[in-house]
Amino acid sequence: MDTENLLGQFLRARRELLQPEDLGLPVGVRRRVSGLRREEVAQAAGVSTDYYVRLEQGRERHPSAQVIDALARALELEEDAAAHLHELARHRDGRQRGQGGSGQGGGPEQVSLRLLRMMDAWPHTPAVVIGRRMTVLAANMLGEALFAGHAHSGDLVRLVFLDPDARTFYPDWDRVALNTVAGLRQSIGTDYDDPALVELVGELSLKSREFRELWARHDIRQKTHETKRFRHPLVGELTLHYESLTVNSAPGQQLVVYQADPGSASEEALGLLGSLSA
């Protein structure tokens, strides 16, 4: 994985996802590039084409916050992606001064005993703690039962892209896959030197065309809340709402809590799953 010009990779990937009509430019002219041209992004951001080219190529090392804001607007980035763009700009500047990476990827991730006890006190609510690479670090009984029975039950990224029954388990697989990759990029920030991440991305890029294509998009989306459908092998279809909460005592960890609508068939199915697990 190339980590020498993360900012340039991100700018190029996001530029190629936009079309001329997104910026109100005329369409119908034959284009030799996918997405926008460099000069079109530069004009939309109010910078010179030469300056923007140097940014993409990694030859410009000190873009101001104002320039980054302008590029975020030109590329129509959402809030999470715009924040990531700022982080990439700061990260590259830090690397030039020899500060190195974030170093957050070293060492095993541990879940506190207090958090484990709190999760175990929720017998009717699935809850899992996931780490920076979306591995399941801990789960209560119902959380473990929700993801049980798969080849990669303890690794939510590999579950989505490598498990043979992933598309059955996730009826809305395309949306889940897109959000999973975007969430992974958000979670790791600029720590692309993490050996476990390098191994994960390398393995998935070789084994999954879908992952390889989504990773190349550089989508960024923080895991916050969503409604997700599951087709569980024991209790059938479940529609659950989750909230993802930051674990302040362990940076990088997220507590994900799932709930069904009161009185719904999904709530009844969760109760059945709890009985079977007990």
C-alpha atoms as a PDB file:
ATOM      1  CA  MET A   1       0.000   0.000   0.000  1.00  0.00           C
ATOM      2  CA  ASP A   2       1.486   3.341  -1.128  1.00  0.00           C
ATOM      3  CA  THR A   3       1.632   5.739   1.832  1.00  0.00           C
ATOM      4  CA  GLU A   4       3.957   8.353   0.355  1.00  0.00           C
ATOM      5  CA  ASN A   5       1.287  10.622  -1.140  1.00  0.00           C
ATOM      6  CA  LEU A   6      -1.982   9.972   0.686  1.00  0.00           C
ATOM      7  CA  LEU A   7      -3.301  13.469   0.034  1.00  0.00           C
ATOM      8  CA  GLY A   8      -2.715  13.189  -3.701  1.00  0.00           C
ATOM      9  CA  GLN A   9      -4.339   9.752  -3.847  1.00  0.00           C
ATOM     10  CA  PHE A  10      -7.409  11.063  -2.063  1.00  0.00           C
ATOM     11  CA  LEU A  11      -7.740  14.140  -4.290  1.00  0.00           C
ATOM     12  CA  ARG A  12      -7.379  12.088  -7.458  1.00  0.00           C
ATOM     13  CA  ALA A  13      -9.879   9.445  -6.355  1.00  0.00           C
ATOM     14  CA  ARG A  14     -12.514  11.994  -5.361  1.00  0.00           C
ATOM     15  CA  ARG A  15     -11.947  14.008  -8.555  1.00  0.00           C
ATOM     16  CA  GLU A  16     -12.545  10.934 -10.690  1.00  0.00           C
ATOM     17  CA  LEU A  17     -15.890  10.275  -8.964  1.00  0.00           C
ATOM     18  CA  LEU A  18     -17.360  13.652  -9.959  1.00  0.00           C
ATOM     19  CA  GLN A  19     -18.863  14.437 -13.344  1.00  0.00           C
ATOM     20  CA  PRO A  20     -18.857  17.808 -15.169  1.00  0.00           C
ATOM     21  CA  GLU A  21     -22.570  18.286 -14.560  1.00  0.00           C
ATOM     22  CA  ASP A  22     -21.920  18.089 -10.813  1.00  0.00           C
ATOM     23  CA  LEU A  23     -20.156  21.462 -11.110  1.00  0.00           C
ATOM     24  CA  GLY A  24     -22.558  22.873 -13.690  1.00  0.00           C
ATOM     25  CA  LEU A  25     -20.086  22.368 -16.537  1.00  0.00           C
ATOM     26  CA  PRO A  26     -21.263  21.590 -20.088  1.00  0.00           C
ATOM     27  CA  VAL A  27     -21.644  17.912 -20.950  1.00  0.00           C
ATOM     28  CA  GLY A  28     -21.501  16.069 -24.227  1.00  0.00           C
ATOM     29  CA  VAL A  29     -17.880  16.853 -25.025  1.00  0.00           C
ATOM     30  CA  ARG A  30     -15.732  13.763 -25.445  1.00  0.00           C
ATOM     31  CA  ARG A  31     -13.443  13.468 -22.455  1.00  0.00           C
ATOM     32  CA  ARG A  32     -10.185  11.554 -22.180  1.00  0.00           C
ATOM     33  CA  VAL A  33     -10.331  11.223 -18.378  1.00  0.00           C
ATOM     34  CA  SER A  34     -12.866   9.738 -16.017  1.00  0.00           C
ATOM     35  CA  GLY A  35     -14.521  12.311 -13.802  1.00  0.00           C
ATOM     36  CA  LEU A  36     -13.270  15.887 -13.680  1.00  0.00           C
ATOM     37  CA  ARG A  37     -10.101  17.288 -15.184  1.00  0.00           C
ATOM     38  CA  ARG A  38      -7.488  18.747 -12.850  1.00  0.00           C
ATOM     39  CA  GLU A  39      -8.013  22.232 -14.262  1.00  0.00           C
ATOM     40  CA  GLU A  40     -11.748  21.989 -13.564  1.00  0.00           C
ATOM     41  CA  VAL A  41     -11.168  21.200  -9.898  1.00  0.00           C
ATOM     42  CA  ALA A  42      -8.570  23.945  -9.666  1.00  0.00           C
ATOM     43  CA  GLN A  43     -10.938  26.512 -11.160  1.00  0.00           C
ATOM     44  CA  ALA A  44     -13.774  25.466  -8.845  1.00  0.00           C
ATOM     45  CA  ALA A  45     -11.444  25.773  -5.841  1.00  0.00           C
ATOM     46  CA  GLY A  46      -9.997  29.109  -6.927  1.00  0.00           C
ATOM     47  CA  VAL A  47      -6.384  27.923  -7.236  1.00  0.00           C
ATOM     48  CA  SER A  48      -4.079  27.670 -10.216  1.00  0.00           C
ATOM     49  CA  THR A  49      -3.978  24.465 -12.225  1.00  0.00           C
ATOM     50  CA  ASP A  50      -0.221  24.201 -11.646  1.00  0.00           C
ATOM     51  CA  TYR A  51      -0.703  24.440  -7.874  1.00  0.00           C
ATOM     52  CA  TYR A  52      -3.406  21.777  -7.889  1.00  0.00           C
ATOM     53  CA  VAL A  53      -1.284  19.441 -10.046  1.00  0.00           C
ATOM     54  CA  ARG A  54       1.574  19.817  -7.563  1.00  0.00           C
ATOM     55  CA  LEU A  55      -0.805  18.901  -4.736  1.00  0.00           C
ATOM     56  CA  GLU A  56      -1.920  15.717  -6.495  1.00  0.00           C
ATOM     57  CA  GLN A  57       1.636  14.777  -7.361  1.00  0.00           C
ATOM     58  CA  GLY A  58       2.901  15.355  -3.817  1.00  0.00           C
ATOM     59  CA  ARG A  59       5.223  18.211  -4.782  1.00  0.00           C
ATOM     60  CA  GLU A  60       3.321  20.828  -2.759  1.00  0.00           C
ATOM     61  CA  ARG A  61       3.658  20.125   0.959  1.00  0.00           C
ATOM     62  CA  HIS A  62       2.056  23.074   2.708  1.00  0.00           C
ATOM     63  CA  PRO A  63      -1.545  23.691   1.565  1.00  0.00           C
ATOM     64  CA  SER A  64      -3.295  26.145   3.856  1.00  0.00           C
ATOM     65  CA  ALA A  65      -6.507  25.319   5.695  1.00  0.00           C
ATOM     66  CA  GLN A  66      -8.295  27.778   3.386  1.00  0.00           C
ATOM     67  CA  VAL A  67      -7.092  25.891   0.305  1.00  0.00           C
ATOM     68  CA  ILE A  68      -8.181  22.561   1.807  1.00  0.00           C
ATOM     69  CA  ASP A  69     -11.618  24.023   2.591  1.00  0.00           C
ATOM     70  CA  ALA A  70     -11.903  25.265  -0.998  1.00  0.00           C
ATOM     71  CA  LEU A  71     -10.930  21.854  -2.380  1.00  0.00           C
ATOM     72  CA  ALA A  72     -13.462  20.152  -0.111  1.00  0.00           C
ATOM     73  CA  ARG A  73     -16.197  22.400  -1.501  1.00  0.00           C
ATOM     74  CA  ALA A  74     -15.047  21.893  -5.093  1.00  0.00           C
ATOM     75  CA  LEU A  75     -15.049  18.115  -4.657  1.00  0.00           C
ATOM     76  CA  GLU A  76     -18.424  18.260  -2.855  1.00  0.00           C
ATOM     77  CA  LEU A  77     -17.085  16.362   0.145  1.00  0.00           C
ATOM     78  CA  GLU A  78     -19.355  15.530   3.040  1.00  0.00           C
ATOM     79  CA  GLU A  79     -18.331  16.548   6.560  1.00  0.00           C
ATOM     80  CA  ASP A  80     -16.415  13.354   7.416  1.00  0.00           C
ATOM     81  CA  ALA A  81     -14.530  13.369   4.120  1.00  0.00           C
ATOM     82  CA  ALA A  82     -13.675  17.066   4.444  1.00  0.00           C
ATOM     83  CA  ALA A  83     -12.281  16.485   7.939  1.00  0.00           C
ATOM     84  CA  HIS A  84     -10.232  13.569   6.579  1.00  0.00           C
ATOM     85  CA  LEU A  85      -8.826  15.810   3.847  1.00  0.00           C
ATOM     86  CA  HIS A  86      -7.602  18.246   6.502  1.00  0.00           C
ATOM     87  CA  GLU A  87      -6.088  15.342   8.441  1.00  0.00           C
ATOM     88  CA  LEU A  88      -4.234  14.111   5.363  1.00  0.00           C
ATOM     89  CA  ALA A  89      -2.806  17.576   4.760  1.00  0.00           C
ATOM     90  CA  ARG A  90      -1.558  17.835   8.358  1.00  0.00           C
ATOM     91  CA  HIS A  91      -0.234  14.265   8.273  1.00  0.00           C
ATOM     92  CA  ARG A  92       1.863  14.859   5.166  1.00  0.00           C
ATOM     93  CA  ASP A  93       3.291  18.045   6.604  1.00  0.00           C
ATOM     94  CA  GLY A  94       4.189  16.148   9.794  1.00  0.00           C
ATOM     95  CA  ARG A  95       5.883  13.375   7.851  1.00  0.00           C
ATOM     96  CA  GLN A  96       8.029  15.890   6.024  1.00  0.00           C
ATOM     97  CA  ARG A  97       9.278  17.185   9.363  1.00  0.00           C
ATOM     98  CA  GLY A  98      10.096  13.607  10.419  1.00  0.00           C
ATOM     99  CA  GLN A  99       7.336  13.201  12.993  1.00  0.00           C
ATOM    100  CA  GLY A 100       6.236   9.841  11.627  1.00  0.00           C
ATOM    101  CA  GLY A 101       2.836   8.211  11.713  1.00  0.00           C
ATOM    102  CA  SER A 102       0.252   8.165  14.451  1.00  0.00           C
ATOM    103  CA  GLY A 103       1.421   4.887  15.868  1.00  0.00           C
ATOM    104  CA  GLN A 104      -2.067   3.986  17.033  1.00  0.00           C
ATOM    105  CA  GLY A 105      -1.975   0.655  15.317  1.00  0.00           C
ATOM    106  CA  GLY A 106       0.650  -0.975  17.560  1.00  0.00           C
ATOM    107  CA  GLY A 107      -0.219  -3.443  20.317  1.00  0.00           C
ATOM    108  CA  PRO A 108      -3.379  -5.422  21.038  1.00  0.00           C
ATOM    109  CA  GLU A 109      -6.635  -3.597  21.719  1.00  0.00           C
ATOM    110  CA  GLN A 110      -8.085  -4.338  25.158  1.00  0.00           C
ATOM    111  CA  VAL A 111     -11.683  -3.836  26.335  1.00  0.00           C
ATOM    112  CA  SER A 112     -12.107  -2.633  29.900  1.00  0.00           C
ATOM    113  CA  LEU A 113     -13.706  -4.903  32.480  1.00  0.00           C
ATOM    114  CA  ARG A 114     -16.244  -2.194  33.387  1.00  0.00           C
ATOM    115  CA  LEU A 115     -17.438  -1.982  29.792  1.00  0.00           C
ATOM    116  CA  LEU A 116     -17.750  -5.768  29.582  1.00  0.00           C
ATOM    117  CA  ARG A 117     -19.855  -5.819  32.748  1.00  0.00           C
ATOM    118  CA  MET A 118     -22.118  -3.077  31.409  1.00  0.00           C
ATOM    119  CA  MET A 119     -22.700  -4.960  28.154  1.00  0.00           C
ATOM    120  CA  ASP A 120     -23.467  -8.189  30.021  1.00  0.00           C
ATOM    121  CA  ALA A 121     -26.172  -6.309  31.942  1.00  0.00           C
ATOM    122  CA  TRP A 122     -28.123  -5.882  28.667  1.00  0.00           C
ATOM    123  CA  PRO A 123     -29.567  -9.385  28.110  1.00  0.00           C
ATOM    124  CA  HIS A 124     -32.125  -8.177  25.540  1.00  0.00           C
ATOM    125  CA  THR A 125     -29.843  -5.831  23.577  1.00  0.00           C
ATOM    126  CA  PRO A 126     -27.081  -6.991  21.184  1.00  0.00           C
ATOM    127  CA  ALA A 127     -23.875  -5.062  21.821  1.00  0.00           C
ATOM    128  CA  VAL A 128     -20.363  -5.417  20.424  1.00  0.00           C
ATOM    129  CA  VAL A 129     -17.119  -3.496  20.807  1.00  0.00           C
ATOM    130  CA  ILE A 130     -15.184  -3.125  17.567  1.00  0.00           C
ATOM    131  CA  GLY A 131     -11.599  -1.999  17.121  1.00  0.00           C
ATOM    132  CA  ARG A 132      -9.956   0.331  14.633  1.00  0.00           C
ATOM    133  CA  ARG A 133      -9.880  -2.351  11.919  1.00  0.00           C
ATOM    134  CA  MET A 134     -13.478  -3.442  12.681  1.00  0.00           C
ATOM    135  CA  THR A 135     -12.538  -6.620  14.459  1.00  0.00           C
ATOM    136  CA  VAL A 136     -14.944  -7.643  17.215  1.00  0.00           C
ATOM    137  CA  LEU A 137     -13.044  -7.149  20.460  1.00  0.00           C
ATOM    138  CA  ALA A 138     -15.931  -8.115  22.751  1.00  0.00           C
ATOM    139  CA  ALA A 139     -19.643  -8.926  22.611  1.00  0.00           C
ATOM    140  CA  ASN A 140     -22.404  -9.662  25.064  1.00  0.00           C
ATOM    141  CA  MET A 141     -24.381 -12.887  24.704  1.00  0.00           C
ATOM    142  CA  LEU A 142     -26.919 -11.519  22.238  1.00  0.00           C
ATOM    143  CA  GLY A 143     -24.293  -9.598  20.279  1.00  0.00           C
ATOM    144  CA  GLU A 144     -22.267 -12.767  19.859  1.00  0.00           C
ATOM    145  CA  ALA A 145     -25.390 -14.676  18.799  1.00  0.00           C
ATOM    146  CA  LEU A 146     -26.265 -12.029  16.191  1.00  0.00           C
ATOM    147  CA  PHE A 147     -22.999 -12.583  14.290  1.00  0.00           C
ATOM    148  CA  ALA A 148     -22.428 -16.262  15.129  1.00  0.00           C
ATOM    149  CA  GLY A 149     -22.111 -19.038  12.563  1.00  0.00           C
ATOM    150  CA  HIS A 150     -19.909 -17.360   9.948  1.00  0.00           C
ATOM    151  CA  ALA A 151     -16.356 -18.065   8.904  1.00  0.00           C
ATOM    152  CA  HIS A 152     -15.385 -14.506   9.922  1.00  0.00           C
ATOM    153  CA  SER A 153     -17.835 -13.703  12.730  1.00  0.00           C
ATOM    154  CA  GLY A 154     -15.123 -11.860  14.665  1.00  0.00           C
ATOM    155  CA  ASP A 155     -13.997  -9.622  11.801  1.00  0.00           C
ATOM    156  CA  LEU A 156     -16.724  -7.431  10.288  1.00  0.00           C
ATOM    157  CA  VAL A 157     -14.704  -6.405   7.216  1.00  0.00           C
ATOM    158  CA  ARG A 158     -13.701  -9.945   6.268  1.00  0.00           C
ATOM    159  CA  LEU A 159     -17.259 -11.079   7.047  1.00  0.00           C
ATOM    160  CA  VAL A 160     -18.669  -8.675   4.452  1.00  0.00           C
ATOM    161  CA  PHE A 161     -16.179  -9.426   1.676  1.00  0.00           C
ATOM    162  CA  LEU A 162     -14.872 -12.957   2.243  1.00  0.00           C
ATOM    163  CA  ASP A 163     -17.648 -14.905   3.943  1.00  0.00           C
ATOM    164  CA  PRO A 164     -19.504 -17.146   1.472  1.00  0.00           C
ATOM    165  CA  ASP A 165     -22.894 -16.334   3.029  1.00  0.00           C
ATOM    166  CA  ALA A 166     -22.353 -12.578   3.448  1.00  0.00           C
ATOM    167  CA  ARG A 167     -24.867 -11.592   0.764  1.00  0.00           C
ATOM    168  CA  THR A 168     -27.477 -13.776   2.418  1.00  0.00           C
ATOM    169  CA  PHE A 169     -26.742 -12.473   5.916  1.00  0.00           C
ATOM    170  CA  TYR A 170     -26.837  -8.859   4.682  1.00  0.00           C
ATOM    171  CA  PRO A 171     -29.838  -8.484   2.313  1.00  0.00           C
ATOM    172  CA  ASP A 172     -28.663  -4.945   1.487  1.00  0.00           C
ATOM    173  CA  TRP A 173     -25.115  -6.109   0.825  1.00  0.00           C
ATOM    174  CA  ASP A 174     -24.117  -3.349  -1.608  1.00  0.00           C
ATOM    175  CA  ARG A 175     -24.918  -0.603   0.904  1.00  0.00           C
ATOM    176  CA  VAL A 176     -23.289  -2.533   3.755  1.00  0.00           C
ATOM    177  CA  ALA A 177     -20.122  -3.054   1.695  1.00  0.00           C
ATOM    178  CA  LEU A 178     -19.867   0.632   0.759  1.00  0.00           C
ATOM    179  CA  ASN A 179     -20.381   1.784   4.354  1.00  0.00           C
ATOM    180  CA  THR A 180     -17.962  -0.820   5.716  1.00  0.00           C
ATOM    181  CA  VAL A 181     -15.061   0.359   3.561  1.00  0.00           C
ATOM    182  CA  ALA A 182     -15.887   4.020   4.178  1.00  0.00           C
ATOM    183  CA  GLY A 183     -16.056   3.332   7.915  1.00  0.00           C
ATOM    184  CA  LEU A 184     -12.736   1.482   7.865  1.00  0.00           C
ATOM    185  CA  ARG A 185     -10.990   4.426   6.209  1.00  0.00           C
ATOM    186  CA  GLN A 186     -12.559   6.813   8.718  1.00  0.00           C
ATOM    187  CA  SER A 187     -11.492   4.648  11.651  1.00  0.00           C
ATOM    188  CA  ILE A 188      -7.838   4.297  10.671  1.00  0.00           C
ATOM    189  CA  GLY A 189      -7.382   7.978   9.819  1.00  0.00           C
ATOM    190  CA  THR A 190      -3.855   8.359   8.417  1.00  0.00           C
ATOM    191  CA  ASP A 191      -2.322   5.315  10.122  1.00  0.00           C
ATOM    192  CA  TYR A 192      -1.733   3.409   6.890  1.00  0.00           C
ATOM    193  CA  ASP A 193       1.564   2.012   8.161  1.00  0.00           C
ATOM    194  CA  ASP A 194      -0.224  -0.261  10.633  1.00  0.00           C
ATOM    195  CA  PRO A 195       1.044  -3.779   9.708  1.00  0.00           C
ATOM    196  CA  ALA A 196      -2.311  -5.430  10.479  1.00  0.00           C
ATOM    197  CA  LEU A 197      -4.096  -2.929   8.240  1.00  0.00           C
ATOM    198  CA  VAL A 198      -1.599  -3.507   5.430  1.00  0.00           C
ATOM    199  CA  GLU A 199      -2.228  -7.244   5.739  1.00  0.00           C
ATOM    200  CA  LEU A 200      -6.015  -6.764   5.768  1.00  0.00           C
ATOM    201  CA  VAL A 201      -6.109  -4.475   2.735  1.00  0.00           C
ATOM    202  CA  GLY A 202      -3.655  -6.657   0.830  1.00  0.00           C
ATOM    203  CA  GLU A 203      -5.635  -9.832   1.469  1.00  0.00           C
ATOM    204  CA  LEU A 204      -8.994  -8.295   0.583  1.00  0.00           C
ATOM    205  CA  SER A 205      -7.629  -6.551  -2.508  1.00  0.00           C
ATOM    206  CA  LEU A 206      -6.414  -9.913  -3.817  1.00  0.00           C
ATOM    207  CA  LYS A 207      -9.509 -11.911  -2.895  1.00  0.00           C
ATOM    208  CA  SER A 208     -12.361  -9.452  -3.504  1.00  0.00           C
ATOM    209  CA  ARG A 209     -12.856  -7.352  -6.622  1.00  0.00           C
ATOM    210  CA  GLU A 210     -15.653  -5.453  -4.865  1.00  0.00           C
ATOM    211  CA  PHE A 211     -13.394  -4.469  -1.975  1.00  0.00           C
ATOM    212  CA  ARG A 212     -10.621  -3.428  -4.362  1.00  0.00           C
ATOM    213  CA  GLU A 213     -12.990  -1.126  -6.269  1.00  0.00           C
ATOM    214  CA  LEU A 214     -14.529   0.395  -3.144  1.00  0.00           C
ATOM    215  CA  TRP A 215     -11.128   0.936  -1.493  1.00  0.00           C
ATOM    216  CA  ALA A 216      -9.990   2.862  -4.581  1.00  0.00           C
ATOM    217  CA  ARG A 217     -12.891   5.317  -4.148  1.00  0.00           C
ATOM    218  CA  HIS A 218     -11.491   6.724  -0.869  1.00  0.00           C
ATOM    219  CA  ASP A 219     -14.966   7.147   0.604  1.00  0.00           C
ATOM    220  CA  ILE A 220     -14.934   8.353   4.218  1.00  0.00           C
ATOM    221  CA  ARG A 221     -17.925   7.912   6.519  1.00  0.00           C
ATOM    222  CA  GLN A 222     -17.964   7.707  10.285  1.00  0.00           C
ATOM    223  CA  LYS A 223     -19.931   4.836  11.778  1.00  0.00           C
ATOM    224  CA  THR A 224     -22.653   6.605  13.812  1.00  0.00           C
ATOM    225  CA  HIS A 225     -26.166   5.230  13.422  1.00  0.00           C
ATOM    226  CA  GLU A 226     -28.096   3.325  10.791  1.00  0.00           C
ATOM    227  CA  THR A 227     -30.936   0.898  10.217  1.00  0.00           C
ATOM    228  CA  LYS A 228     -29.627  -2.449   9.019  1.00  0.00           C
ATOM    229  CA  ARG A 229     -31.286  -5.641   7.877  1.00  0.00           C
ATOM    230  CA  PHE A 230     -29.976  -9.094   8.736  1.00  0.00           C
ATOM    231  CA  ARG A 231     -31.132 -12.520   7.596  1.00  0.00           C
ATOM    232  CA  HIS A 232     -30.135 -14.673  10.548  1.00  0.00           C
ATOM    233  CA  PRO A 233     -29.789 -18.451   9.970  1.00  0.00           C
ATOM    234  CA  LEU A 234     -31.709 -19.253  13.181  1.00  0.00           C
ATOM    235  CA  VAL A 235     -34.451 -16.622  13.497  1.00  0.00           C
ATOM    236  CA  GLY A 236     -34.869 -15.197  10.008  1.00  0.00           C
ATOM    237  CA  GLU A 237     -34.969 -11.553   8.994  1.00  0.00           C
ATOM    238  CA  LEU A 238     -34.199  -8.801  11.493  1.00  0.00           C
ATOM    239  CA  THR A 239     -34.428  -5.039  11.030  1.00  0.00           C
ATOM    240  CA  LEU A 240     -32.302  -3.387  13.707  1.00  0.00           C
ATOM    241  CA  HIS A 241     -31.281   0.177  14.462  1.00  0.00           C
ATOM    242  CA  TYR A 242     -27.771   0.665  15.764  1.00  0.00           C
ATOM    243  CA  GLU A 243     -25.961   3.492  17.538  1.00  0.00           C
ATOM    244  CA  SER A 244     -22.169   3.560  17.501  1.00  0.00           C
ATOM    245  CA  LEU A 245     -20.662   5.198  20.589  1.00  0.00           C
ATOM    246  CA  THR A 246     -17.033   6.231  21.008  1.00  0.00           C
ATOM    247  CA  VAL A 247     -15.242   4.579  23.937  1.00  0.00           C
ATOM    248  CA  ASN A 248     -13.419   7.564  25.388  1.00  0.00           C
ATOM    249  CA  SER A 249     -11.264   5.441  27.669  1.00  0.00           C
ATOM    250  CA  ALA A 250      -9.906   3.497  24.668  1.00  0.00           C
ATOM    251  CA  PRO A 251      -9.389   5.710  21.594  1.00  0.00           C
ATOM    252  CA  GLY A 252     -10.298   3.876  18.402  1.00  0.00           C
ATOM    253  CA  GLN A 253     -12.827   1.544  20.015  1.00  0.00           C
ATOM    254  CA  GLN A 254     -16.549   1.813  19.333  1.00  0.00           C
ATOM    255  CA  LEU A 255     -19.453   0.349  21.269  1.00  0.00           C
ATOM    256  CA  VAL A 256     -22.192  -0.635  18.816  1.00  0.00           C
ATOM    257  CA  VAL A 257     -25.647  -1.222  20.288  1.00  0.00           C
ATOM    258  CA  TYR A 258     -28.535  -2.725  18.287  1.00  0.00           C
ATOM    259  CA  GLN A 259     -32.263  -2.356  18.972  1.00  0.00           C
ATOM    260  CA  ALA A 260     -35.494  -3.423  17.292  1.00  0.00           C
ATOM    261  CA  ASP A 261     -38.685  -1.382  17.149  1.00  0.00           C
ATOM    262  CA  PRO A 262     -40.906  -2.140  20.158  1.00  0.00           C
ATOM    263  CA  GLY A 263     -43.599  -4.669  19.344  1.00  0.00           C
ATOM    264  CA  SER A 264     -42.091  -5.540  15.965  1.00  0.00           C
ATOM    265  CA  ALA A 265     -41.429  -8.946  14.468  1.00  0.00           C
ATOM    266  CA  SER A 266     -37.719  -8.168  14.807  1.00  0.00           C
ATOM    267  CA  GLU A 267     -38.088  -7.630  18.548  1.00  0.00           C
ATOM    268  CA  GLU A 268     -39.818 -10.998  18.786  1.00  0.00           C
ATOM    269  CA  ALA A 269     -37.040 -12.619  16.734  1.00  0.00           C
ATOM    270  CA  LEU A 270     -34.400 -11.069  18.997  1.00  0.00           C
ATOM    271  CA  GLY A 271     -36.168 -12.540  22.001  1.00  0.00           C
ATOM    272  CA  LEU A 272     -36.156 -15.944  20.337  1.00  0.00           C
ATOM    273  CA  LEU A 273     -32.448 -15.586  19.528  1.00  0.00           C
ATOM    274  CA  GLY A 274     -31.771 -14.742  23.157  1.00  0.00           C
ATOM    275  CA  SER A 275     -33.645 -17.843  24.317  1.00  0.00           C
ATOM    276  CA  LEU A 276     -31.754 -20.065  21.897  1.00  0.00           C
ATOM    277  CA  SER A 277     -28.420 -18.570  22.986  1.00  0.00           C
ATOM    278  CA  ALA A 278     -29.149 -18.975  26.667  1.00  0.00           C
END
